Amino acid sequence: MQIKEQMHGDVAVIELKGKLMGGPETTAIHDKVKELVGNNTKKIVIDLGKVKWMNSSGLGALMGSMTTVKNAGGDLKLAKVTEKVKSLFMITKLVTIFETFDSVDEAVASFG
C-alpha cells in the first residue's frame, strides 16, 4: 500500500495504491487523516482509483477517517472508486454514507 498526499488549494487529496486488507496500511490511512485534521485541513478527498481490493478492515479505516473528519467539522469524499470496491459499498450500504466522484477534480470542486 502506498499513500501519496497532494494539496489542491485547501483540499487534501490522498492517493492510495494497492490493497486495503488490514494491518499497518489501514492504520496509516487513518493516521494520515488525523495528521491532516490536526493541521486544520478539513476538506479531504481519498483517491481510490489504484486500490485493487479492500476488505472490512479497509472499510473500517475509511469509516474511522470519515468520523475523524466529520467530528472536526470537515468532510471526506471519495474519488475514482473502482467497480469492485463500489460493489462492496453497495453490499455494506456504505454507499449512502460516502459521497463518491468519478474524478479527483470533481471531488475537489464539490467542496465549493
PDB file of N, CA and C in Angstrom:
ATOM      1  N   MET A   1       0.843  -1.189   0.000  1.00  0.00           N
ATOM      2  CA  MET A   1       0.000   0.000   0.000  1.00  0.00           C
ATOM      3  C   MET A   1       0.884   1.247   0.000  1.00  0.00           C
ATOM      4  N   GLN A   2       0.626   2.131  -0.937  1.00  0.00           N
ATOM      5  CA  GLN A   2       1.348   3.404  -0.976  1.00  0.00           C
ATOM      6  C   GLN A   2       0.350   4.527  -0.743  1.00  0.00           C
ATOM      7  N   ILE A   3       0.791   5.552  -0.022  1.00  0.00           N
ATOM      8  CA  ILE A   3      -0.046   6.718   0.249  1.00  0.00           C
ATOM      9  C   ILE A   3       0.687   7.954  -0.236  1.00  0.00           C
ATOM     10  N   LYS A   4       0.037   8.708  -1.133  1.00  0.00           N
ATOM     11  CA  LYS A   4       0.608   9.972  -1.597  1.00  0.00           C
ATOM     12  C   LYS A   4      -0.363  11.071  -1.236  1.00  0.00           C
ATOM     13  N   GLU A   5       0.189  12.209  -0.844  1.00  0.00           N
ATOM     14  CA  GLU A   5      -0.681  13.329  -0.463  1.00  0.00           C
ATOM     15  C   GLU A   5      -0.335  14.553  -1.304  1.00  0.00           C
ATOM     16  N   GLN A   6      -1.368  15.237  -1.772  1.00  0.00           N
ATOM     17  CA  GLN A   6      -1.189  16.486  -2.517  1.00  0.00           C
ATOM     18  C   GLN A   6      -2.231  17.479  -2.031  1.00  0.00           C
ATOM     19  N   MET A   7      -1.870  18.732  -2.064  1.00  0.00           N
ATOM     20  CA  MET A   7      -2.844  19.770  -1.721  1.00  0.00           C
ATOM     21  C   MET A   7      -3.361  20.412  -3.008  1.00  0.00           C
ATOM     22  N   HIS A   8      -4.655  20.558  -3.098  1.00  0.00           N
ATOM     23  CA  HIS A   8      -5.310  21.285  -4.193  1.00  0.00           C
ATOM     24  C   HIS A   8      -6.009  22.459  -3.528  1.00  0.00           C
ATOM     25  N   GLY A   9      -5.303  23.571  -3.408  1.00  0.00           N
ATOM     26  CA  GLY A   9      -5.851  24.691  -2.644  1.00  0.00           C
ATOM     27  C   GLY A   9      -5.932  24.283  -1.186  1.00  0.00           C
ATOM     28  N   ASP A  10      -7.149  24.348  -0.619  1.00  0.00           N
ATOM     29  CA  ASP A  10      -7.316  23.948   0.788  1.00  0.00           C
ATOM     30  C   ASP A  10      -7.876  22.529   0.927  1.00  0.00           C
ATOM     31  N   VAL A  11      -7.840  21.774  -0.165  1.00  0.00           N
ATOM     32  CA  VAL A  11      -8.326  20.392  -0.141  1.00  0.00           C
ATOM     33  C   VAL A  11      -7.133  19.433  -0.231  1.00  0.00           C
ATOM     34  N   ALA A  12      -7.069  18.511   0.717  1.00  0.00           N
ATOM     35  CA  ALA A  12      -6.007  17.494   0.691  1.00  0.00           C
ATOM     36  C   ALA A  12      -6.511  16.301  -0.112  1.00  0.00           C
ATOM     37  N   VAL A  13      -5.674  15.825  -1.036  1.00  0.00           N
ATOM     38  CA  VAL A  13      -6.014  14.633  -1.807  1.00  0.00           C
ATOM     39  C   VAL A  13      -5.037  13.533  -1.410  1.00  0.00           C
ATOM     40  N   ILE A  14      -5.583  12.438  -0.915  1.00  0.00           N
ATOM     41  CA  ILE A  14      -4.772  11.289  -0.520  1.00  0.00           C
ATOM     42  C   ILE A  14      -4.981  10.207  -1.580  1.00  0.00           C
ATOM     43  N   GLU A  15      -3.903   9.870  -2.279  1.00  0.00           N
ATOM     44  CA  GLU A  15      -3.988   8.826  -3.300  1.00  0.00           C
ATOM     45  C   GLU A  15      -3.476   7.526  -2.716  1.00  0.00           C
ATOM     46  N   LEU A  16      -4.304   6.498  -2.788  1.00  0.00           N
ATOM     47  CA  LEU A  16      -3.924   5.184  -2.279  1.00  0.00           C
ATOM     48  C   LEU A  16      -3.646   4.257  -3.450  1.00  0.00           C
ATOM     49  N   LYS A  17      -2.681   3.360  -3.271  1.00  0.00           N
ATOM     50  CA  LYS A  17      -2.343   2.412  -4.328  1.00  0.00           C
ATOM     51  C   LYS A  17      -2.070   1.064  -3.690  1.00  0.00           C
ATOM     52  N   GLY A  18      -2.721   0.022  -4.199  1.00  0.00           N
ATOM     53  CA  GLY A  18      -2.512  -1.323  -3.674  1.00  0.00           C
ATOM     54  C   GLY A  18      -3.797  -1.923  -3.156  1.00  0.00           C
ATOM     55  N   LYS A  19      -3.691  -2.696  -2.092  1.00  0.00           N
ATOM     56  CA  LYS A  19      -4.853  -3.337  -1.491  1.00  0.00           C
ATOM     57  C   LYS A  19      -5.031  -2.853  -0.066  1.00  0.00           C
ATOM     58  N   LEU A  20      -6.270  -2.678   0.323  1.00  0.00           N
ATOM     59  CA  LEU A  20      -6.594  -2.267   1.694  1.00  0.00           C
ATOM     60  C   LEU A  20      -7.116  -3.489   2.433  1.00  0.00           C
ATOM     61  N   MET A  21      -6.199  -4.243   3.023  1.00  0.00           N
ATOM     62  CA  MET A  21      -6.589  -5.514   3.629  1.00  0.00           C
ATOM     63  C   MET A  21      -6.272  -5.586   5.122  1.00  0.00           C
ATOM     64  N   GLY A  22      -6.264  -4.467   5.792  1.00  0.00           N
ATOM     65  CA  GLY A  22      -5.988  -4.505   7.222  1.00  0.00           C
ATOM     66  C   GLY A  22      -4.511  -4.359   7.512  1.00  0.00           C
ATOM     67  N   GLY A  23      -4.167  -4.442   8.779  1.00  0.00           N
ATOM     68  CA  GLY A  23      -2.770  -4.322   9.162  1.00  0.00           C
ATOM     69  C   GLY A  23      -2.292  -2.875   9.123  1.00  0.00           C
ATOM     70  N   PRO A  24      -0.977  -2.693   9.008  1.00  0.00           N
ATOM     71  CA  PRO A  24      -0.384  -1.356   9.127  1.00  0.00           C
ATOM     72  C   PRO A  24      -0.892  -0.348   8.104  1.00  0.00           C
ATOM     73  N   GLU A  25      -1.207  -0.814   6.868  1.00  0.00           N
ATOM     74  CA  GLU A  25      -1.608   0.173   5.864  1.00  0.00           C
ATOM     75  C   GLU A  25      -2.951   0.831   6.177  1.00  0.00           C
ATOM     76  N   THR A  26      -3.879   0.080   6.754  1.00  0.00           N
ATOM     77  CA  THR A  26      -5.159   0.710   7.085  1.00  0.00           C
ATOM     78  C   THR A  26      -4.983   1.709   8.228  1.00  0.00           C
ATOM     79  N   THR A  27      -4.119   1.392   9.172  1.00  0.00           N
ATOM     80  CA  THR A  27      -3.816   2.313  10.261  1.00  0.00           C
ATOM     81  C   THR A  27      -3.154   3.569   9.710  1.00  0.00           C
ATOM     82  N   ALA A  28      -2.281   3.385   8.722  1.00  0.00           N
ATOM     83  CA  ALA A  28      -1.550   4.511   8.131  1.00  0.00           C
ATOM     84  C   ALA A  28      -2.505   5.520   7.480  1.00  0.00           C
ATOM     85  N   ILE A  29      -3.564   5.020   6.861  1.00  0.00           N
ATOM     86  CA  ILE A  29      -4.540   5.928   6.227  1.00  0.00           C
ATOM     87  C   ILE A  29      -5.208   6.793   7.282  1.00  0.00           C
ATOM     88  N   HIS A  30      -5.696   6.151   8.330  1.00  0.00           N
ATOM     89  CA  HIS A  30      -6.376   6.900   9.391  1.00  0.00           C
ATOM     90  C   HIS A  30      -5.409   7.876  10.064  1.00  0.00           C
ATOM     91  N   ASP A  31      -4.167   7.442  10.266  1.00  0.00           N
ATOM     92  CA  ASP A  31      -3.150   8.323  10.865  1.00  0.00           C
ATOM     93  C   ASP A  31      -2.905   9.541   9.988  1.00  0.00           C
ATOM     94  N   LYS A  32      -2.867   9.337   8.674  1.00  0.00           N
ATOM     95  CA  LYS A  32      -2.657  10.438   7.732  1.00  0.00           C
ATOM     96  C   LYS A  32      -3.815  11.439   7.822  1.00  0.00           C
ATOM     97  N   VAL A  33      -5.031  10.918   7.906  1.00  0.00           N
ATOM     98  CA  VAL A  33      -6.210  11.786   8.020  1.00  0.00           C
ATOM     99  C   VAL A  33      -6.180  12.556   9.340  1.00  0.00           C
ATOM    100  N   LYS A  34      -5.817  11.861  10.427  1.00  0.00           N
ATOM    101  CA  LYS A  34      -5.723  12.536  11.735  1.00  0.00           C
ATOM    102  C   LYS A  34      -4.679  13.654  11.694  1.00  0.00           C
ATOM    103  N   GLU A  35      -3.563  13.382  11.013  1.00  0.00           N
ATOM    104  CA  GLU A  35      -2.498  14.374  10.884  1.00  0.00           C
ATOM    105  C   GLU A  35      -3.007  15.609  10.123  1.00  0.00           C
ATOM    106  N   LEU A  36      -3.738  15.377   9.035  1.00  0.00           N
ATOM    107  CA  LEU A  36      -4.289  16.481   8.247  1.00  0.00           C
ATOM    108  C   LEU A  36      -5.269  17.309   9.070  1.00  0.00           C
ATOM    109  N   VAL A  37      -6.164  16.624   9.778  1.00  0.00           N
ATOM    110  CA  VAL A  37      -7.145  17.321  10.627  1.00  0.00           C
ATOM    111  C   VAL A  37      -6.424  18.097  11.720  1.00  0.00           C
ATOM    112  N   GLY A  38      -5.363  17.497  12.261  1.00  0.00           N
ATOM    113  CA  GLY A  38      -4.553  18.169  13.278  1.00  0.00           C
ATOM    114  C   GLY A  38      -3.907  19.446  12.757  1.00  0.00           C
ATOM    115  N   ASN A  39      -3.631  19.471  11.451  1.00  0.00           N
ATOM    116  CA  ASN A  39      -3.060  20.660  10.805  1.00  0.00           C
ATOM    117  C   ASN A  39      -4.150  21.578  10.253  1.00  0.00           C
ATOM    118  N   ASN A  40      -5.380  21.336  10.709  1.00  0.00           N
ATOM    119  CA  ASN A  40      -6.527  22.166  10.339  1.00  0.00           C
ATOM    120  C   ASN A  40      -6.955  22.024   8.877  1.00  0.00           C
ATOM    121  N   THR A  41      -6.640  20.882   8.264  1.00  0.00           N
ATOM    122  CA  THR A  41      -7.146  20.582   6.922  1.00  0.00           C
ATOM    123  C   THR A  41      -8.411  19.770   7.108  1.00  0.00           C
ATOM    124  N   LYS A  42      -9.544  20.342   6.690  1.00  0.00           N
ATOM    125  CA  LYS A  42     -10.823  19.688   6.960  1.00  0.00           C
ATOM    126  C   LYS A  42     -11.569  19.280   5.697  1.00  0.00           C
ATOM    127  N   LYS A  43     -10.923  19.467   4.554  1.00  0.00           N
ATOM    128  CA  LYS A  43     -11.522  19.030   3.292  1.00  0.00           C
ATOM    129  C   LYS A  43     -10.579  17.990   2.704  1.00  0.00           C
ATOM    130  N   ILE A  44     -11.045  16.753   2.674  1.00  0.00           N
ATOM    131  CA  ILE A  44     -10.170  15.659   2.273  1.00  0.00           C
ATOM    132  C   ILE A  44     -10.848  14.785   1.213  1.00  0.00           C
ATOM    133  N   VAL A  45     -10.076  14.463   0.186  1.00  0.00           N
ATOM    134  CA  VAL A  45     -10.526  13.536  -0.856  1.00  0.00           C
ATOM    135  C   VAL A  45      -9.595  12.332  -0.817  1.00  0.00           C
ATOM    136  N   ILE A  46     -10.169  11.141  -0.783  1.00  0.00           N
ATOM    137  CA  ILE A  46      -9.358   9.935  -0.875  1.00  0.00           C
ATOM    138  C   ILE A  46      -9.561   9.350  -2.269  1.00  0.00           C
ATOM    139  N   ASP A  47      -8.470   9.252  -3.014  1.00  0.00           N
ATOM    140  CA  ASP A  47      -8.470   8.738  -4.380  1.00  0.00           C
ATOM    141  C   ASP A  47      -8.258   7.225  -4.323  1.00  0.00           C
ATOM    142  N   LEU A  48      -9.303   6.477  -4.689  1.00  0.00           N
ATOM    143  CA  LEU A  48      -9.239   5.014  -4.623  1.00  0.00           C
ATOM    144  C   LEU A  48      -9.021   4.379  -5.996  1.00  0.00           C
ATOM    145  N   GLY A  49      -8.662   5.184  -6.990  1.00  0.00           N
ATOM    146  CA  GLY A  49      -8.508   4.698  -8.360  1.00  0.00           C
ATOM    147  C   GLY A  49      -7.499   3.572  -8.521  1.00  0.00           C
ATOM    148  N   LYS A  50      -6.500   3.507  -7.657  1.00  0.00           N
ATOM    149  CA  LYS A  50      -5.455   2.474  -7.774  1.00  0.00           C
ATOM    150  C   LYS A  50      -5.560   1.426  -6.671  1.00  0.00           C
ATOM    151  N   VAL A  51      -6.709   1.402  -5.990  1.00  0.00           N
ATOM    152  CA  VAL A  51      -6.929   0.376  -4.961  1.00  0.00           C
ATOM    153  C   VAL A  51      -7.612  -0.810  -5.631  1.00  0.00           C
ATOM    154  N   LYS A  52      -6.912  -1.948  -5.661  1.00  0.00           N
ATOM    155  CA  LYS A  52      -7.422  -3.137  -6.346  1.00  0.00           C
ATOM    156  C   LYS A  52      -8.567  -3.783  -5.561  1.00  0.00           C
ATOM    157  N   TRP A  53      -8.406  -3.850  -4.256  1.00  0.00           N
ATOM    158  CA  TRP A  53      -9.427  -4.514  -3.437  1.00  0.00           C
ATOM    159  C   TRP A  53      -9.316  -4.044  -1.998  1.00  0.00           C
ATOM    160  N   MET A  54     -10.400  -4.139  -1.262  1.00  0.00           N
ATOM    161  CA  MET A  54     -10.336  -3.873   0.175  1.00  0.00           C
ATOM    162  C   MET A  54     -11.274  -4.820   0.892  1.00  0.00           C
ATOM    163  N   ASN A  55     -10.953  -5.103   2.139  1.00  0.00           N
ATOM    164  CA  ASN A  55     -11.824  -5.949   2.946  1.00  0.00           C
ATOM    165  C   ASN A  55     -12.453  -5.097   4.047  1.00  0.00           C
ATOM    166  N   SER A  56     -13.020  -5.733   5.038  1.00  0.00           N
ATOM    167  CA  SER A  56     -13.716  -4.991   6.097  1.00  0.00           C
ATOM    168  C   SER A  56     -12.767  -4.078   6.874  1.00  0.00           C
ATOM    169  N   SER A  57     -11.501  -4.477   6.996  1.00  0.00           N
ATOM    170  CA  SER A  57     -10.530  -3.611   7.685  1.00  0.00           C
ATOM    171  C   SER A  57     -10.303  -2.320   6.907  1.00  0.00           C
ATOM    172  N   GLY A  58     -10.242  -2.438   5.581  1.00  0.00           N
ATOM    173  CA  GLY A  58     -10.094  -1.261   4.736  1.00  0.00           C
ATOM    174  C   GLY A  58     -11.296  -0.349   4.855  1.00  0.00           C
ATOM    175  N   LEU A  59     -12.484  -0.948   4.840  1.00  0.00           N
ATOM    176  CA  LEU A  59     -13.717  -0.168   5.021  1.00  0.00           C
ATOM    177  C   LEU A  59     -13.720   0.509   6.386  1.00  0.00           C
ATOM    178  N   GLY A  60     -13.263  -0.225   7.398  1.00  0.00           N
ATOM    179  CA  GLY A  60     -13.192   0.326   8.754  1.00  0.00           C
ATOM    180  C   GLY A  60     -12.281   1.542   8.823  1.00  0.00           C
ATOM    181  N   ALA A  61     -11.161   1.479   8.102  1.00  0.00           N
ATOM    182  CA  ALA A  61     -10.223   2.605   8.080  1.00  0.00           C
ATOM    183  C   ALA A  61     -10.877   3.829   7.430  1.00  0.00           C
ATOM    184  N   LEU A  62     -11.634   3.602   6.360  1.00  0.00           N
ATOM    185  CA  LEU A  62     -12.335   4.712   5.698  1.00  0.00           C
ATOM    186  C   LEU A  62     -13.419   5.286   6.605  1.00  0.00           C
ATOM    187  N   MET A  63     -14.141   4.398   7.295  1.00  0.00           N
ATOM    188  CA  MET A  63     -15.195   4.852   8.224  1.00  0.00           C
ATOM    189  C   MET A  63     -14.589   5.669   9.365  1.00  0.00           C
ATOM    190  N   GLY A  64     -13.486   5.160   9.923  1.00  0.00           N
ATOM    191  CA  GLY A  64     -12.805   5.864  11.013  1.00  0.00           C
ATOM    192  C   GLY A  64     -12.318   7.224  10.559  1.00  0.00           C
ATOM    193  N   SER A  65     -11.775   7.267   9.337  1.00  0.00           N
ATOM    194  CA  SER A  65     -11.281   8.529   8.781  1.00  0.00           C
ATOM    195  C   SER A  65     -12.427   9.519   8.607  1.00  0.00           C
ATOM    196  N   MET A  66     -13.543   9.019   8.075  1.00  0.00           N
ATOM    197  CA  MET A  66     -14.726   9.864   7.880  1.00  0.00           C
ATOM    198  C   MET A  66     -15.188  10.442   9.219  1.00  0.00           C
ATOM    199  N   THR A  67     -15.255   9.610  10.246  1.00  0.00           N
ATOM    200  CA  THR A  67     -15.686  10.044  11.575  1.00  0.00           C
ATOM    201  C   THR A  67     -14.759  11.123  12.130  1.00  0.00           C
ATOM    202  N   THR A  68     -13.453  10.909  11.985  1.00  0.00           N
ATOM    203  CA  THR A  68     -12.459  11.879  12.453  1.00  0.00           C
ATOM    204  C   THR A  68     -12.685  13.243  11.803  1.00  0.00           C
ATOM    205  N   VAL A  69     -12.866  13.232  10.474  1.00  0.00           N
ATOM    206  CA  VAL A  69     -13.035  14.483   9.721  1.00  0.00           C
ATOM    207  C   VAL A  69     -14.362  15.162  10.085  1.00  0.00           C
ATOM    208  N   LYS A  70     -15.436  14.384  10.153  1.00  0.00           N
ATOM    209  CA  LYS A  70     -16.762  14.938  10.489  1.00  0.00           C
ATOM    210  C   LYS A  70     -16.748  15.551  11.890  1.00  0.00           C
ATOM    211  N   ASN A  71     -16.112  14.858  12.847  1.00  0.00           N
ATOM    212  CA  ASN A  71     -16.043  15.361  14.223  1.00  0.00           C
ATOM    213  C   ASN A  71     -15.282  16.677  14.309  1.00  0.00           C
ATOM    214  N   ALA A  72     -14.393  16.911  13.337  1.00  0.00           N
ATOM    215  CA  ALA A  72     -13.615  18.154  13.314  1.00  0.00           C
ATOM    216  C   ALA A  72     -14.340  19.239  12.512  1.00  0.00           C
ATOM    217  N   GLY A  73     -15.559  18.915  12.047  1.00  0.00           N
ATOM    218  CA  GLY A  73     -16.328  19.895  11.295  1.00  0.00           C
ATOM    219  C   GLY A  73     -15.978  19.935   9.818  1.00  0.00           C
ATOM    220  N   GLY A  74     -15.339  18.869   9.328  1.00  0.00           N
ATOM    221  CA  GLY A  74     -14.943  18.829   7.926  1.00  0.00           C
ATOM    222  C   GLY A  74     -15.725  17.794   7.145  1.00  0.00           C
ATOM    223  N   ASP A  75     -15.210  17.449   5.969  1.00  0.00           N
ATOM    224  CA  ASP A  75     -15.867  16.465   5.131  1.00  0.00           C
ATOM    225  C   ASP A  75     -14.823  15.643   4.380  1.00  0.00           C
ATOM    226  N   LEU A  76     -15.165  14.397   4.140  1.00  0.00           N
ATOM    227  CA  LEU A  76     -14.280  13.488   3.425  1.00  0.00           C
ATOM    228  C   LEU A  76     -15.066  12.903   2.257  1.00  0.00           C
ATOM    229  N   LYS A  77     -14.468  12.924   1.071  1.00  0.00           N
ATOM    230  CA  LYS A  77     -15.128  12.400  -0.115  1.00  0.00           C
ATOM    231  C   LYS A  77     -14.205  11.421  -0.809  1.00  0.00           C
ATOM    232  N   LEU A  78     -14.802  10.544  -1.601  1.00  0.00           N
ATOM    233  CA  LEU A  78     -14.023   9.526  -2.299  1.00  0.00           C
ATOM    234  C   LEU A  78     -14.056   9.781  -3.801  1.00  0.00           C
ATOM    235  N   ALA A  79     -12.929   9.512  -4.460  1.00  0.00           N
ATOM    236  CA  ALA A  79     -12.851   9.690  -5.908  1.00  0.00           C
ATOM    237  C   ALA A  79     -12.348   8.416  -6.571  1.00  0.00           C
ATOM    238  N   LYS A  80     -12.771   8.233  -7.813  1.00  0.00           N
ATOM    239  CA  LYS A  80     -12.317   7.131  -8.665  1.00  0.00           C
ATOM    240  C   LYS A  80     -12.471   5.765  -7.998  1.00  0.00           C
ATOM    241  N   VAL A  81     -13.632   5.511  -7.416  1.00  0.00           N
ATOM    242  CA  VAL A  81     -13.894   4.230  -6.760  1.00  0.00           C
ATOM    243  C   VAL A  81     -14.070   3.167  -7.850  1.00  0.00           C
ATOM    244  N   THR A  82     -13.286   2.106  -7.797  1.00  0.00           N
ATOM    245  CA  THR A  82     -13.367   1.044  -8.811  1.00  0.00           C
ATOM    246  C   THR A  82     -14.664   0.256  -8.658  1.00  0.00           C
ATOM    247  N   GLU A  83     -15.033  -0.466  -9.708  1.00  0.00           N
ATOM    248  CA  GLU A  83     -16.283  -1.238  -9.688  1.00  0.00           C
ATOM    249  C   GLU A  83     -16.293  -2.264  -8.553  1.00  0.00           C
ATOM    250  N   LYS A  84     -15.160  -2.941  -8.345  1.00  0.00           N
ATOM    251  CA  LYS A  84     -15.079  -3.956  -7.282  1.00  0.00           C
ATOM    252  C   LYS A  84     -15.359  -3.321  -5.919  1.00  0.00           C
ATOM    253  N   VAL A  85     -14.719  -2.195  -5.670  1.00  0.00           N
ATOM    254  CA  VAL A  85     -14.875  -1.526  -4.376  1.00  0.00           C
ATOM    255  C   VAL A  85     -16.284  -0.936  -4.268  1.00  0.00           C
ATOM    256  N   LYS A  86     -16.792  -0.418  -5.381  1.00  0.00           N
ATOM    257  CA  LYS A  86     -18.148   0.140  -5.392  1.00  0.00           C
ATOM    258  C   LYS A  86     -19.163  -0.929  -5.013  1.00  0.00           C
ATOM    259  N   SER A  87     -18.974  -2.154  -5.523  1.00  0.00           N
ATOM    260  CA  SER A  87     -19.910  -3.235  -5.202  1.00  0.00           C
ATOM    261  C   SER A  87     -19.853  -3.561  -3.715  1.00  0.00           C
ATOM    262  N   LEU A  88     -18.675  -3.446  -3.134  1.00  0.00           N
ATOM    263  CA  LEU A  88     -18.518  -3.657  -1.696  1.00  0.00           C
ATOM    264  C   LEU A  88     -19.298  -2.598  -0.912  1.00  0.00           C
ATOM    265  N   PHE A  89     -19.246  -1.353  -1.393  1.00  0.00           N
ATOM    266  CA  PHE A  89     -20.006  -0.267  -0.763  1.00  0.00           C
ATOM    267  C   PHE A  89     -21.513  -0.520  -0.863  1.00  0.00           C
ATOM    268  N   MET A  90     -21.948  -1.068  -1.992  1.00  0.00           N
ATOM    269  CA  MET A  90     -23.375  -1.370  -2.193  1.00  0.00           C
ATOM    270  C   MET A  90     -23.829  -2.435  -1.191  1.00  0.00           C
ATOM    271  N   ILE A  91     -23.054  -3.519  -1.125  1.00  0.00           N
ATOM    272  CA  ILE A  91     -23.396  -4.648  -0.251  1.00  0.00           C
ATOM    273  C   ILE A  91     -23.478  -4.208   1.208  1.00  0.00           C
ATOM    274  N   THR A  92     -22.536  -3.374   1.621  1.00  0.00           N
ATOM    275  CA  THR A  92     -22.457  -2.968   3.027  1.00  0.00           C
ATOM    276  C   THR A  92     -23.304  -1.728   3.333  1.00  0.00           C
ATOM    277  N   LYS A  93     -23.972  -1.193   2.312  1.00  0.00           N
ATOM    278  CA  LYS A  93     -24.825   0.001   2.447  1.00  0.00           C
ATOM    279  C   LYS A  93     -24.015   1.269   2.758  1.00  0.00           C
ATOM    280  N   LEU A  94     -22.688   1.190   2.639  1.00  0.00           N
ATOM    281  CA  LEU A  94     -21.858   2.371   2.909  1.00  0.00           C
ATOM    282  C   LEU A  94     -21.934   3.377   1.766  1.00  0.00           C
ATOM    283  N   VAL A  95     -22.551   2.945   0.670  1.00  0.00           N
ATOM    284  CA  VAL A  95     -22.713   3.836  -0.477  1.00  0.00           C
ATOM    285  C   VAL A  95     -23.538   5.066  -0.080  1.00  0.00           C
ATOM    286  N   THR A  96     -24.366   4.925   0.942  1.00  0.00           N
ATOM    287  CA  THR A  96     -25.194   6.053   1.390  1.00  0.00           C
ATOM    288  C   THR A  96     -24.414   7.010   2.290  1.00  0.00           C
ATOM    289  N   ILE A  97     -23.281   6.571   2.813  1.00  0.00           N
ATOM    290  CA  ILE A  97     -22.507   7.381   3.752  1.00  0.00           C
ATOM    291  C   ILE A  97     -21.444   8.201   3.044  1.00  0.00           C
ATOM    292  N   PHE A  98     -20.793   7.590   2.056  1.00  0.00           N
ATOM    293  CA  PHE A  98     -19.698   8.261   1.358  1.00  0.00           C
ATOM    294  C   PHE A  98     -20.185   8.940   0.093  1.00  0.00           C
ATOM    295  N   GLU A  99     -19.750  10.176  -0.096  1.00  0.00           N
ATOM    296  CA  GLU A  99     -20.007  10.873  -1.342  1.00  0.00           C
ATOM    297  C   GLU A  99     -18.881  10.484  -2.288  1.00  0.00           C
ATOM    298  N   THR A 100     -19.228   9.941  -3.448  1.00  0.00           N
ATOM    299  CA  THR A 100     -18.203   9.474  -4.379  1.00  0.00           C
ATOM    300  C   THR A 100     -18.266  10.247  -5.699  1.00  0.00           C
ATOM    301  N   PHE A 101     -17.102  10.412  -6.313  1.00  0.00           N
ATOM    302  CA  PHE A 101     -16.978  11.160  -7.566  1.00  0.00           C
ATOM    303  C   PHE A 101     -16.127  10.379  -8.554  1.00  0.00           C
ATOM    304  N   ASP A 102     -16.383  10.602  -9.852  1.00  0.00           N
ATOM    305  CA  ASP A 102     -15.646   9.894 -10.895  1.00  0.00           C
ATOM    306  C   ASP A 102     -14.201  10.355 -11.007  1.00  0.00           C
ATOM    307  N   SER A 103     -13.945  11.618 -10.658  1.00  0.00           N
ATOM    308  CA  SER A 103     -12.579  12.125 -10.766  1.00  0.00           C
ATOM    309  C   SER A 103     -12.207  12.918  -9.513  1.00  0.00           C
ATOM    310  N   VAL A 104     -10.913  13.049  -9.308  1.00  0.00           N
ATOM    311  CA  VAL A 104     -10.405  13.826  -8.178  1.00  0.00           C
ATOM    312  C   VAL A 104     -10.836  15.286  -8.344  1.00  0.00           C
ATOM    313  N   ASP A 105     -10.751  15.802  -9.570  1.00  0.00           N
ATOM    314  CA  ASP A 105     -11.119  17.199  -9.816  1.00  0.00           C
ATOM    315  C   ASP A 105     -12.563  17.484  -9.426  1.00  0.00           C
ATOM    316  N   GLU A 106     -13.463  16.558  -9.787  1.00  0.00           N
ATOM    317  CA  GLU A 106     -14.884  16.724  -9.426  1.00  0.00           C
ATOM    318  C   GLU A 106     -15.057  16.736  -7.911  1.00  0.00           C
ATOM    319  N   ALA A 107     -14.353  15.836  -7.241  1.00  0.00           N
ATOM    320  CA  ALA A 107     -14.462  15.744  -5.786  1.00  0.00           C
ATOM    321  C   ALA A 107     -13.953  17.016  -5.127  1.00  0.00           C
ATOM    322  N   VAL A 108     -12.797  17.525  -5.618  1.00  0.00           N
ATOM    323  CA  VAL A 108     -12.223  18.760  -5.070  1.00  0.00           C
ATOM    324  C   VAL A 108     -13.181  19.926  -5.317  1.00  0.00           C
ATOM    325  N   ALA A 109     -13.718  20.002  -6.536  1.00  0.00           N
ATOM    326  CA  ALA A 109     -14.639  21.090  -6.898  1.00  0.00           C
ATOM    327  C   ALA A 109     -15.923  21.067  -6.072  1.00  0.00           C
ATOM    328  N   SER A 110     -16.331  19.873  -5.616  1.00  0.00           N
ATOM    329  CA  SER A 110     -17.575  19.741  -4.874  1.00  0.00           C
ATOM    330  C   SER A 110     -17.538  20.442  -3.515  1.00  0.00           C
ATOM    331  N   PHE A 111     -16.342  20.747  -3.032  1.00  0.00           N
ATOM    332  CA  PHE A 111     -16.239  21.455  -1.758  1.00  0.00           C
ATOM    333  C   PHE A 111     -16.629  22.919  -1.905  1.00  0.00           C
ATOM    334  N   GLY A 112     -16.602  23.421  -3.146  1.00  0.00           N
ATOM    335  CA  GLY A 112     -17.018  24.787  -3.432  1.00  0.00           C
ATOM    336  C   GLY A 112     -16.145  25.786  -2.757  1.00  0.00           C
TER     337      GLY A 112
END
